[in-house]
Amino acid sequence: SDWSRQVEDACAEARMVADRAVSETATAASARVRQAETRAAEAEERLEAERSQVVASVQRIGELETTSQNLRGEVDALRREESVRRAAETSVAAMDESMGQHALTAIQSDL
């Protein structure tokens, strides 16, 4: 019957439209997935680059801390040397003054 044929034709057309829509949706979804995968890969590359920079910075900080500690040790040693030198100068000056006094006393007693 004609009515039954029209229903079958309408159903067939609806299936074709649905198949086309599903195919287009699947193609668009695949394209979005590929774009998302590309963006994810780029983000991972940037993350790895940043991570490498952080690791390098942490290593450099460690090196600078070691250098700083070594220099502080050198400064402390130099301060101790300076303190010893000043004490020696003071001692030598006191000795010179004492010897000068003794020499003056001896010269005066000889007169």
N, C-alpha and C. Protein backbone atom coordinates (compact mmCIF):
# COMPACT_ATOMS: atom_id res chain seq x y z
N SER A 1 0.83 -1.15 0.00
CA SER A 1 0.00 0.00 0.00
C SER A 1 0.88 1.22 0.00
N ASP A 2 0.27 2.24 -0.48
CA ASP A 2 0.99 3.50 -0.69
C ASP A 2 1.42 4.13 0.63
N TRP A 3 0.55 4.07 1.59
CA TRP A 3 0.85 4.65 2.91
C TRP A 3 2.02 3.94 3.55
N SER A 4 2.05 2.64 3.48
CA SER A 4 3.12 1.83 4.05
C SER A 4 4.44 2.14 3.34
N ARG A 5 4.40 2.35 2.05
CA ARG A 5 5.59 2.68 1.27
C ARG A 5 6.12 4.05 1.69
N GLN A 6 5.25 4.99 1.93
CA GLN A 6 5.66 6.34 2.36
C GLN A 6 6.33 6.29 3.73
N VAL A 7 5.79 5.46 4.60
CA VAL A 7 6.38 5.30 5.94
C VAL A 7 7.78 4.70 5.81
N GLU A 8 7.92 3.67 4.98
CA GLU A 8 9.23 3.05 4.78
C GLU A 8 10.23 4.04 4.19
N ASP A 9 9.79 4.82 3.20
CA ASP A 9 10.66 5.83 2.60
C ASP A 9 11.07 6.89 3.63
N ALA A 10 10.10 7.32 4.42
CA ALA A 10 10.40 8.32 5.46
C ALA A 10 11.37 7.76 6.47
N CYS A 11 11.19 6.49 6.83
CA CYS A 11 12.11 5.86 7.79
C CYS A 11 13.51 5.73 7.19
N ALA A 12 13.58 5.35 5.93
CA ALA A 12 14.88 5.21 5.26
C ALA A 12 15.58 6.57 5.20
N GLU A 13 14.84 7.61 4.87
CA GLU A 13 15.43 8.96 4.83
C GLU A 13 15.88 9.39 6.22
N ALA A 14 15.07 9.09 7.21
CA ALA A 14 15.44 9.43 8.59
C ALA A 14 16.71 8.70 9.00
N ARG A 15 16.84 7.42 8.61
CA ARG A 15 18.05 6.66 8.93
C ARG A 15 19.27 7.28 8.25
N MET A 16 19.13 7.68 6.97
CA MET A 16 20.24 8.30 6.25
C MET A 16 20.66 9.60 6.93
N VAL A 17 19.68 10.41 7.30
CA VAL A 17 19.98 11.68 7.99
C VAL A 17 20.68 11.38 9.32
N ALA A 18 20.16 10.40 10.04
CA ALA A 18 20.76 10.04 11.33
C ALA A 18 22.17 9.51 11.14
N ASP A 19 22.36 8.63 10.12
CA ASP A 19 23.69 8.09 9.85
C ASP A 19 24.67 9.21 9.51
N ARG A 20 24.21 10.15 8.68
CA ARG A 20 25.06 11.28 8.30
C ARG A 20 25.39 12.12 9.53
N ALA A 21 24.41 12.37 10.37
CA ALA A 21 24.63 13.18 11.58
C ALA A 21 25.62 12.47 12.51
N VAL A 22 25.44 11.16 12.66
CA VAL A 22 26.35 10.39 13.52
C VAL A 22 27.75 10.44 12.95
N SER A 23 27.88 10.26 11.63
CA SER A 23 29.19 10.29 10.98
C SER A 23 29.85 11.65 11.14
N GLU A 24 29.07 12.71 10.91
CA GLU A 24 29.62 14.07 11.06
C GLU A 24 30.01 14.34 12.51
N THR A 25 29.18 13.88 13.43
CA THR A 25 29.49 14.07 14.85
C THR A 25 30.75 13.30 15.23
N ALA A 26 30.85 12.07 14.73
CA ALA A 26 32.04 11.26 15.03
C ALA A 26 33.29 11.91 14.44
N THR A 27 33.19 12.44 13.21
CA THR A 27 34.33 13.11 12.59
C THR A 27 34.72 14.35 13.38
N ALA A 28 33.72 15.14 13.76
CA ALA A 28 34.00 16.35 14.55
C ALA A 28 34.59 15.97 15.91
N ALA A 29 34.05 14.93 16.52
CA ALA A 29 34.57 14.49 17.82
C ALA A 29 36.01 14.00 17.67
N SER A 30 36.30 13.28 16.60
CA SER A 30 37.67 12.81 16.37
C SER A 30 38.61 13.99 16.20
N ALA A 31 38.16 15.00 15.47
CA ALA A 31 39.00 16.19 15.28
C ALA A 31 39.24 16.88 16.62
N ARG A 32 38.22 16.98 17.46
CA ARG A 32 38.38 17.61 18.78
C ARG A 32 39.32 16.79 19.66
N VAL A 33 39.23 15.47 19.55
CA VAL A 33 40.12 14.60 20.32
C VAL A 33 41.56 14.83 19.88
N ARG A 34 41.80 14.87 18.56
CA ARG A 34 43.16 15.11 18.06
C ARG A 34 43.68 16.47 18.53
N GLN A 35 42.82 17.49 18.49
CA GLN A 35 43.23 18.83 18.96
C GLN A 35 43.57 18.78 20.44
N ALA A 36 42.74 18.10 21.21
CA ALA A 36 43.00 18.00 22.65
C ALA A 36 44.29 17.23 22.92
N GLU A 37 44.53 16.17 22.16
CA GLU A 37 45.77 15.42 22.33
C GLU A 37 46.98 16.27 22.00
N THR A 38 46.87 17.07 20.94
CA THR A 38 47.97 17.97 20.55
C THR A 38 48.23 18.99 21.66
N ARG A 39 47.15 19.60 22.16
CA ARG A 39 47.32 20.59 23.25
C ARG A 39 47.91 19.94 24.49
N ALA A 40 47.48 18.71 24.80
CA ALA A 40 48.02 18.00 25.96
C ALA A 40 49.50 17.72 25.78
N ALA A 41 49.90 17.29 24.58
CA ALA A 41 51.32 17.01 24.32
C ALA A 41 52.14 18.29 24.44
N GLU A 42 51.62 19.40 23.92
CA GLU A 42 52.33 20.68 24.03
C GLU A 42 52.46 21.11 25.48
N ALA A 43 51.38 20.91 26.24
CA ALA A 43 51.43 21.27 27.66
C ALA A 43 52.44 20.41 28.41
N GLU A 44 52.51 19.13 28.08
CA GLU A 44 53.50 18.26 28.71
C GLU A 44 54.91 18.69 28.37
N GLU A 45 55.14 19.11 27.12
CA GLU A 45 56.47 19.59 26.73
C GLU A 45 56.84 20.85 27.51
N ARG A 46 55.87 21.78 27.64
CA ARG A 46 56.13 23.01 28.41
C ARG A 46 56.39 22.66 29.87
N LEU A 47 55.62 21.73 30.40
CA LEU A 47 55.80 21.32 31.79
C LEU A 47 57.19 20.73 31.99
N GLU A 48 57.62 19.89 31.09
CA GLU A 48 58.95 19.28 31.20
C GLU A 48 60.05 20.34 31.11
N ALA A 49 59.86 21.30 30.21
CA ALA A 49 60.84 22.39 30.10
C ALA A 49 60.90 23.19 31.39
N GLU A 50 59.73 23.51 31.94
CA GLU A 50 59.68 24.25 33.22
C GLU A 50 60.32 23.44 34.33
N ARG A 51 60.01 22.14 34.36
CA ARG A 51 60.57 21.27 35.39
C ARG A 51 62.10 21.25 35.29
N SER A 52 62.62 21.18 34.07
CA SER A 52 64.07 21.18 33.88
C SER A 52 64.68 22.49 34.38
N GLN A 53 64.00 23.60 34.10
CA GLN A 53 64.49 24.89 34.58
C GLN A 53 64.48 24.96 36.10
N VAL A 54 63.43 24.41 36.72
CA VAL A 54 63.34 24.41 38.18
C VAL A 54 64.47 23.57 38.77
N VAL A 55 64.70 22.39 38.18
CA VAL A 55 65.78 21.52 38.67
C VAL A 55 67.12 22.24 38.55
N ALA A 56 67.35 22.90 37.42
CA ALA A 56 68.60 23.64 37.23
C ALA A 56 68.71 24.78 38.25
N SER A 57 67.60 25.46 38.51
CA SER A 57 67.61 26.56 39.49
C SER A 57 67.90 26.04 40.89
N VAL A 58 67.30 24.91 41.25
CA VAL A 58 67.54 24.33 42.58
C VAL A 58 69.01 23.92 42.71
N GLN A 59 69.57 23.34 41.66
CA GLN A 59 70.99 22.97 41.70
C GLN A 59 71.85 24.21 41.85
N ARG A 60 71.53 25.27 41.12
CA ARG A 60 72.30 26.51 41.19
C ARG A 60 72.19 27.11 42.59
N ILE A 61 70.99 27.06 43.17
CA ILE A 61 70.81 27.57 44.54
C ILE A 61 71.70 26.80 45.51
N GLY A 62 71.75 25.48 45.34
CA GLY A 62 72.61 24.66 46.19
C GLY A 62 74.07 25.04 46.04
N GLU A 63 74.50 25.26 44.80
CA GLU A 63 75.88 25.67 44.56
C GLU A 63 76.17 27.02 45.20
N LEU A 64 75.23 27.96 45.07
CA LEU A 64 75.42 29.29 45.65
C LEU A 64 75.44 29.22 47.17
N GLU A 65 74.60 28.36 47.76
CA GLU A 65 74.61 28.21 49.21
C GLU A 65 75.96 27.68 49.68
N THR A 66 76.50 26.70 48.96
CA THR A 66 77.81 26.14 49.32
C THR A 66 78.90 27.21 49.20
N THR A 67 78.88 27.97 48.11
CA THR A 67 79.85 29.05 47.92
C THR A 67 79.73 30.07 49.03
N SER A 68 78.50 30.43 49.37
CA SER A 68 78.27 31.41 50.43
C SER A 68 78.83 30.91 51.77
N GLN A 69 78.57 29.64 52.08
CA GLN A 69 79.10 29.08 53.34
C GLN A 69 80.62 29.07 53.33
N ASN A 70 81.21 28.70 52.21
CA ASN A 70 82.67 28.69 52.11
C ASN A 70 83.24 30.09 52.31
N LEU A 71 82.59 31.08 51.68
CA LEU A 71 83.08 32.46 51.83
C LEU A 71 82.90 32.96 53.26
N ARG A 72 81.79 32.58 53.91
CA ARG A 72 81.61 32.97 55.32
C ARG A 72 82.72 32.37 56.18
N GLY A 73 83.09 31.12 55.87
CA GLY A 73 84.20 30.48 56.59
C GLY A 73 85.51 31.22 56.38
N GLU A 74 85.76 31.65 55.14
CA GLU A 74 86.97 32.41 54.85
C GLU A 74 86.96 33.74 55.58
N VAL A 75 85.80 34.42 55.59
CA VAL A 75 85.69 35.70 56.30
C VAL A 75 85.98 35.51 57.78
N ASP A 76 85.40 34.46 58.38
CA ASP A 76 85.66 34.19 59.81
C ASP A 76 87.14 33.94 60.06
N ALA A 77 87.78 33.17 59.19
CA ALA A 77 89.22 32.88 59.35
C ALA A 77 90.03 34.17 59.23
N LEU A 78 89.68 35.01 58.26
CA LEU A 78 90.40 36.28 58.09
C LEU A 78 90.19 37.20 59.30
N ARG A 79 89.00 37.19 59.86
CA ARG A 79 88.75 38.01 61.06
C ARG A 79 89.60 37.52 62.23
N ARG A 80 89.70 36.19 62.35
CA ARG A 80 90.55 35.64 63.44
C ARG A 80 92.00 36.03 63.22
N GLU A 81 92.48 35.93 61.97
CA GLU A 81 93.86 36.33 61.66
C GLU A 81 94.07 37.80 62.00
N GLU A 82 93.11 38.65 61.63
CA GLU A 82 93.21 40.08 61.90
C GLU A 82 93.26 40.34 63.41
N SER A 83 92.45 39.60 64.14
CA SER A 83 92.43 39.76 65.60
C SER A 83 93.78 39.36 66.20
N VAL A 84 94.33 38.25 65.71
CA VAL A 84 95.65 37.80 66.19
C VAL A 84 96.72 38.82 65.82
N ARG A 85 96.66 39.36 64.60
CA ARG A 85 97.63 40.36 64.16
C ARG A 85 97.56 41.61 65.05
N ARG A 86 96.33 42.06 65.34
CA ARG A 86 96.19 43.25 66.20
C ARG A 86 96.75 42.99 67.60
N ALA A 87 96.46 41.79 68.12
CA ALA A 87 96.97 41.44 69.45
C ALA A 87 98.50 41.42 69.42
N ALA A 88 99.07 40.89 68.36
CA ALA A 88 100.54 40.84 68.24
C ALA A 88 101.11 42.25 68.13
N GLU A 89 100.45 43.11 67.35
CA GLU A 89 100.93 44.50 67.23
C GLU A 89 100.90 45.20 68.58
N THR A 90 99.80 44.98 69.30
CA THR A 90 99.68 45.60 70.62
C THR A 90 100.77 45.09 71.55
N SER A 91 101.04 43.79 71.49
CA SER A 91 102.08 43.20 72.33
C SER A 91 103.46 43.73 71.96
N VAL A 92 103.72 43.81 70.65
CA VAL A 92 105.02 44.34 70.20
C VAL A 92 105.16 45.80 70.61
N ALA A 93 104.11 46.59 70.46
CA ALA A 93 104.17 48.00 70.84
C ALA A 93 104.43 48.14 72.34
N ALA A 94 103.76 47.29 73.12
CA ALA A 94 103.99 47.34 74.58
C ALA A 94 105.42 46.95 74.90
N MET A 95 105.94 45.93 74.20
CA MET A 95 107.31 45.50 74.42
C MET A 95 108.28 46.62 74.02
N ASP A 96 108.02 47.25 72.87
CA ASP A 96 108.88 48.36 72.43
C ASP A 96 108.89 49.47 73.46
N GLU A 97 107.72 49.79 73.96
CA GLU A 97 107.63 50.87 74.95
C GLU A 97 108.38 50.49 76.22
N SER A 98 108.23 49.24 76.65
CA SER A 98 108.91 48.78 77.87
C SER A 98 110.42 48.80 77.67
N MET A 99 110.87 48.31 76.50
CA MET A 99 112.31 48.30 76.23
C MET A 99 112.84 49.72 76.12
N GLY A 100 112.05 50.61 75.54
CA GLY A 100 112.45 52.02 75.45
C GLY A 100 112.59 52.62 76.83
N GLN A 101 111.66 52.29 77.71
CA GLN A 101 111.72 52.81 79.08
C GLN A 101 112.98 52.28 79.80
N HIS A 102 113.25 50.98 79.60
CA HIS A 102 114.46 50.39 80.23
C HIS A 102 115.72 51.02 79.68
N ALA A 103 115.74 51.23 78.36
CA ALA A 103 116.94 51.84 77.74
C ALA A 103 117.10 53.25 78.26
N LEU A 104 116.01 54.00 78.35
CA LEU A 104 116.08 55.38 78.85
C LEU A 104 116.56 55.40 80.30
N THR A 105 116.04 54.47 81.08
CA THR A 105 116.45 54.37 82.48
C THR A 105 117.95 54.04 82.56
N ALA A 106 118.41 53.12 81.71
CA ALA A 106 119.82 52.74 81.72
C ALA A 106 120.70 53.89 81.30
N ILE A 107 120.26 54.65 80.28
CA ILE A 107 121.03 55.78 79.81
C ILE A 107 121.07 56.84 80.90
N GLN A 108 119.97 57.07 81.57
CA GLN A 108 119.93 58.08 82.62
C GLN A 108 120.79 57.67 83.81
N SER A 109 120.82 56.37 84.09
CA SER A 109 121.63 55.94 85.22
C SER A 109 123.12 56.01 84.87
N ASP A 110 123.45 55.89 83.58
CA ASP A 110 124.84 56.01 83.18
C ASP A 110 125.31 57.47 83.26
N LEU A 111 124.38 58.38 83.17
CA LEU A 111 124.76 59.78 83.21
C LEU A 111 125.03 60.18 84.59
